[in-house]
Amino acid sequence: MIAEEYLRTSRLFRRLKNGPHGQLVELYATLLVNDERASHGTWRCLNLVGGLLSWIERRGLRPTDLKEQVTERYLKYRAGKQSLQPGDRAALSGCCRRCARWA
């Protein structure tokens, strides 16, 4: 299943796009579709981005504050809770560039 098919039925995607940063999540999902991600890769990317956006909100930051240093802090925080996967840094790096531009 490709990303577009996954997004049609994903509860995670619906929850994120109906949240406070829904427009950014929708733009990021469009990029995932264009990258032709497999469904698990799409889920992982959305899960990471959702976690990052929640984390920055709890710290009083905005998506425009996203920089590589903030992403690294989030990855350290996340690593304390669960294991990181090899593509996690790349998925969030792409999100940072896009969030800063579109927020």
PDB file of N, CA and C in Angstrom:
ATOM      1  N   MET A   1       0.848  -1.177   0.000  1.00  0.00           N
ATOM      2  CA  MET A   1       0.000   0.000   0.000  1.00  0.00           C
ATOM      3  C   MET A   1       0.898   1.245   0.000  1.00  0.00           C
ATOM      4  N   ILE A   2       0.603   2.176  -0.865  1.00  0.00           N
ATOM      5  CA  ILE A   2       1.384   3.407  -0.906  1.00  0.00           C
ATOM      6  C   ILE A   2       0.788   4.433   0.053  1.00  0.00           C
ATOM      7  N   ALA A   3       1.507   5.516   0.224  1.00  0.00           N
ATOM      8  CA  ALA A   3       1.126   6.526   1.218  1.00  0.00           C
ATOM      9  C   ALA A   3      -0.282   7.067   0.991  1.00  0.00           C
ATOM     10  N   GLU A   4      -0.633   7.345  -0.230  1.00  0.00           N
ATOM     11  CA  GLU A   4      -1.946   7.937  -0.509  1.00  0.00           C
ATOM     12  C   GLU A   4      -3.079   7.020  -0.046  1.00  0.00           C
ATOM     13  N   GLU A   5      -2.949   5.729  -0.306  1.00  0.00           N
ATOM     14  CA  GLU A   5      -3.962   4.770   0.137  1.00  0.00           C
ATOM     15  C   GLU A   5      -4.016   4.711   1.656  1.00  0.00           C
ATOM     16  N   TYR A   6      -2.857   4.703   2.280  1.00  0.00           N
ATOM     17  CA  TYR A   6      -2.802   4.658   3.745  1.00  0.00           C
ATOM     18  C   TYR A   6      -3.476   5.891   4.347  1.00  0.00           C
ATOM     19  N   LEU A   7      -3.204   7.068   3.803  1.00  0.00           N
ATOM     20  CA  LEU A   7      -3.731   8.309   4.367  1.00  0.00           C
ATOM     21  C   LEU A   7      -5.255   8.364   4.311  1.00  0.00           C
ATOM     22  N   ARG A   8      -5.868   7.725   3.334  1.00  0.00           N
ATOM     23  CA  ARG A   8      -7.328   7.730   3.221  1.00  0.00           C
ATOM     24  C   ARG A   8      -8.007   7.086   4.420  1.00  0.00           C
ATOM     25  N   THR A   9      -7.348   6.117   5.036  1.00  0.00           N
ATOM     26  CA  THR A   9      -7.981   5.377   6.130  1.00  0.00           C
ATOM     27  C   THR A   9      -7.298   5.567   7.487  1.00  0.00           C
ATOM     28  N   SER A  10      -6.259   6.339   7.539  1.00  0.00           N
ATOM     29  CA  SER A  10      -5.454   6.467   8.752  1.00  0.00           C
ATOM     30  C   SER A  10      -6.124   7.339   9.815  1.00  0.00           C
ATOM     31  N   ARG A  11      -6.350   6.758  10.995  1.00  0.00           N
ATOM     32  CA  ARG A  11      -6.870   7.538  12.124  1.00  0.00           C
ATOM     33  C   ARG A  11      -5.818   8.525  12.614  1.00  0.00           C
ATOM     34  N   LEU A  12      -4.555   8.116  12.588  1.00  0.00           N
ATOM     35  CA  LEU A  12      -3.472   9.009  13.003  1.00  0.00           C
ATOM     36  C   LEU A  12      -3.461  10.270  12.144  1.00  0.00           C
ATOM     37  N   PHE A  13      -3.541  10.098  10.830  1.00  0.00           N
ATOM     38  CA  PHE A  13      -3.539  11.243   9.925  1.00  0.00           C
ATOM     39  C   PHE A  13      -4.752  12.142  10.179  1.00  0.00           C
ATOM     40  N   ARG A  14      -5.933  11.559  10.336  1.00  0.00           N
ATOM     41  CA  ARG A  14      -7.133  12.364  10.607  1.00  0.00           C
ATOM     42  C   ARG A  14      -6.971  13.164  11.897  1.00  0.00           C
ATOM     43  N   ARG A  15      -6.436  12.508  12.930  1.00  0.00           N
ATOM     44  CA  ARG A  15      -6.252  13.200  14.211  1.00  0.00           C
ATOM     45  C   ARG A  15      -5.265  14.358  14.075  1.00  0.00           C
ATOM     46  N   LEU A  16      -4.155  14.131  13.392  1.00  0.00           N
ATOM     47  CA  LEU A  16      -3.144  15.172  13.247  1.00  0.00           C
ATOM     48  C   LEU A  16      -3.635  16.326  12.370  1.00  0.00           C
ATOM     49  N   LYS A  17      -4.313  16.014  11.280  1.00  0.00           N
ATOM     50  CA  LYS A  17      -4.749  17.101  10.397  1.00  0.00           C
ATOM     51  C   LYS A  17      -5.892  17.901  11.000  1.00  0.00           C
ATOM     52  N   ASN A  18      -6.617  17.325  11.971  1.00  0.00           N
ATOM     53  CA  ASN A  18      -7.673  18.070  12.660  1.00  0.00           C
ATOM     54  C   ASN A  18      -7.148  18.780  13.907  1.00  0.00           C
ATOM     55  N   GLY A  19      -5.856  18.669  14.167  1.00  0.00           N
ATOM     56  CA  GLY A  19      -5.239  19.304  15.316  1.00  0.00           C
ATOM     57  C   GLY A  19      -4.796  20.726  15.011  1.00  0.00           C
ATOM     58  N   PRO A  20      -4.103  21.338  15.950  1.00  0.00           N
ATOM     59  CA  PRO A  20      -3.710  22.744  15.801  1.00  0.00           C
ATOM     60  C   PRO A  20      -2.734  23.008  14.654  1.00  0.00           C
ATOM     61  N   HIS A  21      -2.027  21.991  14.212  1.00  0.00           N
ATOM     62  CA  HIS A  21      -1.057  22.175  13.131  1.00  0.00           C
ATOM     63  C   HIS A  21      -1.476  21.392  11.888  1.00  0.00           C
ATOM     64  N   GLY A  22      -2.790  21.272  11.707  1.00  0.00           N
ATOM     65  CA  GLY A  22      -3.340  20.457  10.636  1.00  0.00           C
ATOM     66  C   GLY A  22      -2.848  20.824   9.251  1.00  0.00           C
ATOM     67  N   GLN A  23      -2.726  22.103   8.985  1.00  0.00           N
ATOM     68  CA  GLN A  23      -2.282  22.534   7.654  1.00  0.00           C
ATOM     69  C   GLN A  23      -0.852  22.059   7.381  1.00  0.00           C
ATOM     70  N   LEU A  24       0.008  22.138   8.377  1.00  0.00           N
ATOM     71  CA  LEU A  24       1.378  21.657   8.209  1.00  0.00           C
ATOM     72  C   LEU A  24       1.407  20.148   8.006  1.00  0.00           C
ATOM     73  N   VAL A  25       0.579  19.431   8.749  1.00  0.00           N
ATOM     74  CA  VAL A  25       0.521  17.974   8.625  1.00  0.00           C
ATOM     75  C   VAL A  25       0.044  17.592   7.228  1.00  0.00           C
ATOM     76  N   GLU A  26      -0.949  18.304   6.704  1.00  0.00           N
ATOM     77  CA  GLU A  26      -1.440  18.011   5.353  1.00  0.00           C
ATOM     78  C   GLU A  26      -0.356  18.269   4.305  1.00  0.00           C
ATOM     79  N   LEU A  27       0.374  19.347   4.456  1.00  0.00           N
ATOM     80  CA  LEU A  27       1.465  19.626   3.511  1.00  0.00           C
ATOM     81  C   LEU A  27       2.556  18.564   3.610  1.00  0.00           C
ATOM     82  N   TYR A  28       2.874  18.147   4.811  1.00  0.00           N
ATOM     83  CA  TYR A  28       3.882  17.102   4.994  1.00  0.00           C
ATOM     84  C   TYR A  28       3.391  15.787   4.388  1.00  0.00           C
ATOM     85  N   ALA A  29       2.115  15.472   4.572  1.00  0.00           N
ATOM     86  CA  ALA A  29       1.551  14.247   3.992  1.00  0.00           C
ATOM     87  C   ALA A  29       1.626  14.281   2.468  1.00  0.00           C
ATOM     88  N   THR A  30       1.416  15.437   1.882  1.00  0.00           N
ATOM     89  CA  THR A  30       1.538  15.571   0.427  1.00  0.00           C
ATOM     90  C   THR A  30       2.952  15.219  -0.017  1.00  0.00           C
ATOM     91  N   LEU A  31       3.920  15.657   0.747  1.00  0.00           N
ATOM     92  CA  LEU A  31       5.311  15.323   0.416  1.00  0.00           C
ATOM     93  C   LEU A  31       5.572  13.832   0.564  1.00  0.00           C
ATOM     94  N   LEU A  32       4.971  13.201   1.554  1.00  0.00           N
ATOM     95  CA  LEU A  32       5.125  11.754   1.716  1.00  0.00           C
ATOM     96  C   LEU A  32       4.528  11.010   0.527  1.00  0.00           C
ATOM     97  N   VAL A  33       3.389  11.478   0.054  1.00  0.00           N
ATOM     98  CA  VAL A  33       2.770  10.859  -1.124  1.00  0.00           C
ATOM     99  C   VAL A  33       3.672  11.027  -2.334  1.00  0.00           C
ATOM    100  N   ASN A  34       4.227  12.216  -2.497  1.00  0.00           N
ATOM    101  CA  ASN A  34       5.114  12.462  -3.639  1.00  0.00           C
ATOM    102  C   ASN A  34       6.380  11.617  -3.567  1.00  0.00           C
ATOM    103  N   ASP A  35       6.819  11.288  -2.351  1.00  0.00           N
ATOM    104  CA  ASP A  35       7.992  10.429  -2.166  1.00  0.00           C
ATOM    105  C   ASP A  35       7.655   8.954  -2.343  1.00  0.00           C
ATOM    106  N   GLU A  36       6.347   8.652  -2.499  1.00  0.00           N
ATOM    107  CA  GLU A  36       5.863   7.280  -2.675  1.00  0.00           C
ATOM    108  C   GLU A  36       6.303   6.363  -1.537  1.00  0.00           C
ATOM    109  N   ARG A  37       6.077   6.809  -0.322  1.00  0.00           N
ATOM    110  CA  ARG A  37       6.422   6.014   0.856  1.00  0.00           C
ATOM    111  C   ARG A  37       5.498   4.804   0.974  1.00  0.00           C
ATOM    112  N   ALA A  38       6.016   3.750   1.541  1.00  0.00           N
ATOM    113  CA  ALA A  38       5.185   2.592   1.881  1.00  0.00           C
ATOM    114  C   ALA A  38       4.342   2.961   3.090  1.00  0.00           C
ATOM    115  N   SER A  39       3.291   2.213   3.361  1.00  0.00           N
ATOM    116  CA  SER A  39       2.369   2.591   4.432  1.00  0.00           C
ATOM    117  C   SER A  39       3.057   2.658   5.795  1.00  0.00           C
ATOM    118  N   HIS A  40       3.950   1.714   6.108  1.00  0.00           N
ATOM    119  CA  HIS A  40       4.617   1.766   7.409  1.00  0.00           C
ATOM    120  C   HIS A  40       5.531   2.986   7.493  1.00  0.00           C
ATOM    121  N   GLY A  41       6.212   3.317   6.412  1.00  0.00           N
ATOM    122  CA  GLY A  41       7.060   4.502   6.400  1.00  0.00           C
ATOM    123  C   GLY A  41       6.240   5.760   6.596  1.00  0.00           C
ATOM    124  N   THR A  42       5.057   5.798   5.999  1.00  0.00           N
ATOM    125  CA  THR A  42       4.169   6.951   6.155  1.00  0.00           C
ATOM    126  C   THR A  42       3.703   7.050   7.604  1.00  0.00           C
ATOM    127  N   TRP A  43       3.300   5.921   8.188  1.00  0.00           N
ATOM    128  CA  TRP A  43       2.866   5.935   9.580  1.00  0.00           C
ATOM    129  C   TRP A  43       3.994   6.430  10.483  1.00  0.00           C
ATOM    130  N   ARG A  44       5.199   5.915  10.265  1.00  0.00           N
ATOM    131  CA  ARG A  44       6.347   6.297  11.105  1.00  0.00           C
ATOM    132  C   ARG A  44       6.614   7.795  10.994  1.00  0.00           C
ATOM    133  N   CYS A  45       6.619   8.316   9.780  1.00  0.00           N
ATOM    134  CA  CYS A  45       6.864   9.751   9.585  1.00  0.00           C
ATOM    135  C   CYS A  45       5.785  10.592  10.261  1.00  0.00           C
ATOM    136  N   LEU A  46       4.525  10.218  10.081  1.00  0.00           N
ATOM    137  CA  LEU A  46       3.441  10.974  10.718  1.00  0.00           C
ATOM    138  C   LEU A  46       3.517  10.885  12.236  1.00  0.00           C
ATOM    139  N   ASN A  47       3.838   9.721  12.747  1.00  0.00           N
ATOM    140  CA  ASN A  47       3.970   9.545  14.183  1.00  0.00           C
ATOM    141  C   ASN A  47       5.089  10.427  14.733  1.00  0.00           C
ATOM    142  N   LEU A  48       6.200  10.465  14.050  1.00  0.00           N
ATOM    143  CA  LEU A  48       7.320  11.313  14.467  1.00  0.00           C
ATOM    144  C   LEU A  48       6.946  12.788  14.431  1.00  0.00           C
ATOM    145  N   VAL A  49       6.337  13.209  13.345  1.00  0.00           N
ATOM    146  CA  VAL A  49       5.976  14.618  13.195  1.00  0.00           C
ATOM    147  C   VAL A  49       4.916  15.002  14.224  1.00  0.00           C
ATOM    148  N   GLY A  50       3.951  14.123  14.455  1.00  0.00           N
ATOM    149  CA  GLY A  50       2.946  14.399  15.477  1.00  0.00           C
ATOM    150  C   GLY A  50       3.575  14.548  16.850  1.00  0.00           C
ATOM    151  N   GLY A  51       4.511  13.668  17.170  1.00  0.00           N
ATOM    152  CA  GLY A  51       5.218  13.761  18.446  1.00  0.00           C
ATOM    153  C   GLY A  51       6.029  15.039  18.559  1.00  0.00           C
ATOM    154  N   LEU A  52       6.707  15.395  17.490  1.00  0.00           N
ATOM    155  CA  LEU A  52       7.506  16.626  17.478  1.00  0.00           C
ATOM    156  C   LEU A  52       6.620  17.857  17.668  1.00  0.00           C
ATOM    157  N   LEU A  53       5.512  17.927  16.942  1.00  0.00           N
ATOM    158  CA  LEU A  53       4.628  19.090  17.060  1.00  0.00           C
ATOM    159  C   LEU A  53       4.018  19.188  18.459  1.00  0.00           C
ATOM    160  N   SER A  54       3.668  18.060  19.060  1.00  0.00           N
ATOM    161  CA  SER A  54       3.164  18.075  20.440  1.00  0.00           C
ATOM    162  C   SER A  54       4.242  18.541  21.409  1.00  0.00           C
ATOM    163  N   TRP A  55       5.440  18.037  21.203  1.00  0.00           N
ATOM    164  CA  TRP A  55       6.567  18.364  22.078  1.00  0.00           C
ATOM    165  C   TRP A  55       6.879  19.857  22.026  1.00  0.00           C
ATOM    166  N   ILE A  56       6.915  20.439  20.817  1.00  0.00           N
ATOM    167  CA  ILE A  56       7.235  21.874  20.737  1.00  0.00           C
ATOM    168  C   ILE A  56       6.115  22.713  21.332  1.00  0.00           C
ATOM    169  N   GLU A  57       4.882  22.253  21.181  1.00  0.00           N
ATOM    170  CA  GLU A  57       3.762  22.987  21.764  1.00  0.00           C
ATOM    171  C   GLU A  57       3.840  22.974  23.294  1.00  0.00           C
ATOM    172  N   ARG A  58       4.166  21.827  23.872  1.00  0.00           N
ATOM    173  CA  ARG A  58       4.283  21.737  25.341  1.00  0.00           C
ATOM    174  C   ARG A  58       5.401  22.635  25.865  1.00  0.00           C
ATOM    175  N   ARG A  59       6.371  22.911  25.054  1.00  0.00           N
ATOM    176  CA  ARG A  59       7.474  23.776  25.469  1.00  0.00           C
ATOM    177  C   ARG A  59       7.257  25.238  25.119  1.00  0.00           C
ATOM    178  N   GLY A  60       6.093  25.562  24.610  1.00  0.00           N
ATOM    179  CA  GLY A  60       5.775  26.955  24.299  1.00  0.00           C
ATOM    180  C   GLY A  60       6.433  27.464  23.035  1.00  0.00           C
ATOM    181  N   LEU A  61       6.874  26.546  22.174  1.00  0.00           N
ATOM    182  CA  LEU A  61       7.480  26.933  20.908  1.00  0.00           C
ATOM    183  C   LEU A  61       6.419  26.914  19.812  1.00  0.00           C
ATOM    184  N   ARG A  62       6.782  27.458  18.661  1.00  0.00           N
ATOM    185  CA  ARG A  62       5.906  27.437  17.494  1.00  0.00           C
ATOM    186  C   ARG A  62       6.615  26.702  16.365  1.00  0.00           C
ATOM    187  N   PRO A  63       5.874  26.228  15.373  1.00  0.00           N
ATOM    188  CA  PRO A  63       6.524  25.553  14.246  1.00  0.00           C
ATOM    189  C   PRO A  63       7.604  26.403  13.572  1.00  0.00           C
ATOM    190  N   THR A  64       7.458  27.714  13.602  1.00  0.00           N
ATOM    191  CA  THR A  64       8.489  28.567  13.001  1.00  0.00           C
ATOM    192  C   THR A  64       9.790  28.538  13.795  1.00  0.00           C
ATOM    193  N   ASP A  65       9.739  28.062  15.042  1.00  0.00           N
ATOM    194  CA  ASP A  65      10.941  27.947  15.867  1.00  0.00           C
ATOM    195  C   ASP A  65      11.747  26.689  15.562  1.00  0.00           C
ATOM    196  N   LEU A  66      11.188  25.834  14.718  1.00  0.00           N
ATOM    197  CA  LEU A  66      11.866  24.568  14.428  1.00  0.00           C
ATOM    198  C   LEU A  66      13.177  24.806  13.687  1.00  0.00           C
ATOM    199  N   LYS A  67      14.205  24.347  14.290  1.00  0.00           N
ATOM    200  CA  LYS A  67      15.551  24.378  13.700  1.00  0.00           C
ATOM    201  C   LYS A  67      16.157  23.012  13.951  1.00  0.00           C
ATOM    202  N   GLU A  68      17.265  22.745  13.345  1.00  0.00           N
ATOM    203  CA  GLU A  68      17.929  21.444  13.532  1.00  0.00           C
ATOM    204  C   GLU A  68      18.249  21.189  15.004  1.00  0.00           C
ATOM    205  N   GLN A  69      18.628  22.238  15.747  1.00  0.00           N
ATOM    206  CA  GLN A  69      18.952  22.059  17.158  1.00  0.00           C
ATOM    207  C   GLN A  69      17.722  21.618  17.955  1.00  0.00           C
ATOM    208  N   VAL A  70      16.568  22.169  17.632  1.00  0.00           N
ATOM    209  CA  VAL A  70      15.328  21.800  18.317  1.00  0.00           C
ATOM    210  C   VAL A  70      14.989  20.345  17.992  1.00  0.00           C
ATOM    211  N   THR A  71      15.169  19.967  16.743  1.00  0.00           N
ATOM    212  CA  THR A  71      14.912  18.588  16.337  1.00  0.00           C
ATOM    213  C   THR A  71      15.834  17.637  17.078  1.00  0.00           C
ATOM    214  N   GLU A  72      17.087  17.994  17.217  1.00  0.00           N
ATOM    215  CA  GLU A  72      18.031  17.141  17.954  1.00  0.00           C
ATOM    216  C   GLU A  72      17.618  16.990  19.408  1.00  0.00           C
ATOM    217  N   ARG A  73      17.137  18.075  20.014  1.00  0.00           N
ATOM    218  CA  ARG A  73      16.659  17.991  21.399  1.00  0.00           C
ATOM    219  C   ARG A  73      15.467  17.052  21.491  1.00  0.00           C
ATOM    220  N   TYR A  74      14.570  17.146  20.525  1.00  0.00           N
ATOM    221  CA  TYR A  74      13.414  16.255  20.523  1.00  0.00           C
ATOM    222  C   TYR A  74      13.850  14.802  20.343  1.00  0.00           C
ATOM    223  N   LEU A  75      14.787  14.552  19.449  1.00  0.00           N
ATOM    224  CA  LEU A  75      15.247  13.176  19.235  1.00  0.00           C
ATOM    225  C   LEU A  75      15.890  12.604  20.496  1.00  0.00           C
ATOM    226  N   LYS A  76      16.620  13.419  21.243  1.00  0.00           N
ATOM    227  CA  LYS A  76      17.189  12.959  22.514  1.00  0.00           C
ATOM    228  C   LYS A  76      16.073  12.632  23.507  1.00  0.00           C
ATOM    229  N   TYR A  77      15.071  13.488  23.552  1.00  0.00           N
ATOM    230  CA  TYR A  77      13.923  13.240  24.419  1.00  0.00           C
ATOM    231  C   TYR A  77      13.235  11.935  24.023  1.00  0.00           C
ATOM    232  N   ARG A  78      12.980  11.764  22.733  1.00  0.00           N
ATOM    233  CA  ARG A  78      12.285  10.567  22.246  1.00  0.00           C
ATOM    234  C   ARG A  78      13.113   9.303  22.483  1.00  0.00           C
ATOM    235  N   ALA A  79      14.426   9.412  22.317  1.00  0.00           N
ATOM    236  CA  ALA A  79      15.296   8.252  22.526  1.00  0.00           C
ATOM    237  C   ALA A  79      15.232   7.764  23.968  1.00  0.00           C
ATOM    238  N   GLY A  80      14.932   8.646  24.897  1.00  0.00           N
ATOM    239  CA  GLY A  80      14.789   8.250  26.285  1.00  0.00           C
ATOM    240  C   GLY A  80      13.520   7.449  26.534  1.00  0.00           C
ATOM    241  N   LYS A  81      12.580   7.520  25.609  1.00  0.00           N
ATOM    242  CA  LYS A  81      11.300   6.827  25.767  1.00  0.00           C
ATOM    243  C   LYS A  81      11.190   5.583  24.897  1.00  0.00           C
ATOM    244  N   GLN A  82      11.813   5.616  23.730  1.00  0.00           N
ATOM    245  CA  GLN A  82      11.758   4.466  22.810  1.00  0.00           C
ATOM    246  C   GLN A  82      12.926   4.532  21.851  1.00  0.00           C
ATOM    247  N   SER A  83      13.192   3.425  21.200  1.00  0.00           N
ATOM    248  CA  SER A  83      14.355   3.393  20.316  1.00  0.00           C
ATOM    249  C   SER A  83      14.083   4.181  19.039  1.00  0.00           C
ATOM    250  N   LEU A  84      15.121   4.851  18.579  1.00  0.00           N
ATOM    251  CA  LEU A  84      15.039   5.591  17.323  1.00  0.00           C
ATOM    252  C   LEU A  84      15.347   4.652  16.168  1.00  0.00           C
ATOM    253  N   GLN A  85      14.740   4.933  15.039  1.00  0.00           N
ATOM    254  CA  GLN A  85      14.972   4.158  13.832  1.00  0.00           C
ATOM    255  C   GLN A  85      15.911   4.943  12.915  1.00  0.00           C
ATOM    256  N   PRO A  86      16.600   4.259  12.012  1.00  0.00           N
ATOM    257  CA  PRO A  86      17.567   4.946  11.149  1.00  0.00           C
ATOM    258  C   PRO A  86      17.011   6.130  10.358  1.00  0.00           C
ATOM    259  N   GLY A  87      15.770   6.093   9.911  1.00  0.00           N
ATOM    260  CA  GLY A  87      15.232   7.183   9.100  1.00  0.00           C
ATOM    261  C   GLY A  87      14.582   8.306   9.884  1.00  0.00           C
ATOM    262  N   ASP A  88      14.555   8.210  11.216  1.00  0.00           N
ATOM    263  CA  ASP A  88      13.856   9.210  12.021  1.00  0.00           C
ATOM    264  C   ASP A  88      14.434  10.611  11.860  1.00  0.00           C
ATOM    265  N   ARG A  89      15.715  10.718  11.908  1.00  0.00           N
ATOM    266  CA  ARG A  89      16.367  12.031  11.798  1.00  0.00           C
ATOM    267  C   ARG A  89      16.048  12.671  10.443  1.00  0.00           C
ATOM    268  N   ALA A  90      16.108  11.891   9.384  1.00  0.00           N
ATOM    269  CA  ALA A  90      15.830  12.423   8.041  1.00  0.00           C
ATOM    270  C   ALA A  90      14.365  12.856   7.922  1.00  0.00           C
ATOM    271  N   ALA A  91      13.448  12.073   8.483  1.00  0.00           N
ATOM    272  CA  ALA A  91      12.026  12.421   8.413  1.00  0.00           C
ATOM    273  C   ALA A  91      11.760  13.746   9.122  1.00  0.00           C
ATOM    274  N   LEU A  92      12.378  13.955  10.267  1.00  0.00           N
ATOM    275  CA  LEU A  92      12.162  15.192  11.009  1.00  0.00           C
ATOM    276  C   LEU A  92      12.921  16.363  10.410  1.00  0.00           C
ATOM    277  N   SER A  93      14.040  16.097   9.814  1.00  0.00           N
ATOM    278  CA  SER A  93      14.796  17.163   9.166  1.00  0.00           C
ATOM    279  C   SER A  93      13.969  17.776   8.041  1.00  0.00           C
ATOM    280  N   GLY A  94      13.326  16.932   7.261  1.00  0.00           N
ATOM    281  CA  GLY A  94      12.463  17.423   6.190  1.00  0.00           C
ATOM    282  C   GLY A  94      11.295  18.212   6.738  1.00  0.00           C
ATOM    283  N   CYS A  95      10.735  17.761   7.841  1.00  0.00           N
ATOM    284  CA  CYS A  95       9.622  18.465   8.469  1.00  0.00           C
ATOM    285  C   CYS A  95      10.055  19.841   8.950  1.00  0.00           C
ATOM    286  N   CYS A  96      11.238  19.928   9.546  1.00  0.00           N
ATOM    287  CA  CYS A  96      11.733  21.211  10.066  1.00  0.00           C
ATOM    288  C   CYS A  96      11.842  22.250   8.961  1.00  0.00           C
ATOM    289  N   ARG A  97      12.434  21.858   7.866  1.00  0.00           N
ATOM    290  CA  ARG A  97      12.584  22.810   6.766  1.00  0.00           C
ATOM    291  C   ARG A  97      11.227  23.287   6.263  1.00  0.00           C
ATOM    292  N   ARG A  98      10.294  22.370   6.137  1.00  0.00           N
ATOM    293  CA  ARG A  98       8.985  22.724   5.597  1.00  0.00           C
ATOM    294  C   ARG A  98       8.150  23.500   6.607  1.00  0.00           C
ATOM    295  N   CYS A  99       8.187  23.127   7.864  1.00  0.00           N
ATOM    296  CA  CYS A  99       7.414  23.836   8.886  1.00  0.00           C
ATOM    297  C   CYS A  99       7.888  25.274   9.011  1.00  0.00           C
ATOM    298  N   ALA A 100       9.166  25.471   9.005  1.00  0.00           N
ATOM    299  CA  ALA A 100       9.698  26.833   9.151  1.00  0.00           C
ATOM    300  C   ALA A 100       9.275  27.700   7.964  1.00  0.00           C
ATOM    301  N   ARG A 101       9.180  27.101   6.795  1.00  0.00           N
ATOM    302  CA  ARG A 101       8.819  27.859   5.606  1.00  0.00           C
ATOM    303  C   ARG A 101       7.311  28.136   5.535  1.00  0.00           C
ATOM    304  N   TRP A 102       6.486  27.177   5.979  1.00  0.00           N
ATOM    305  CA  TRP A 102       5.050  27.297   5.791  1.00  0.00           C
ATOM    306  C   TRP A 102       4.290  27.798   7.007  1.00  0.00           C
ATOM    307  N   ALA A 103       4.901  27.806   8.151  1.00  0.00           N
ATOM    308  CA  ALA A 103       4.156  28.179   9.369  1.00  0.00           C
ATOM    309  C   ALA A 103       3.848  29.656   9.403  1.00  0.00           C
TER     310      ALA A 103
END
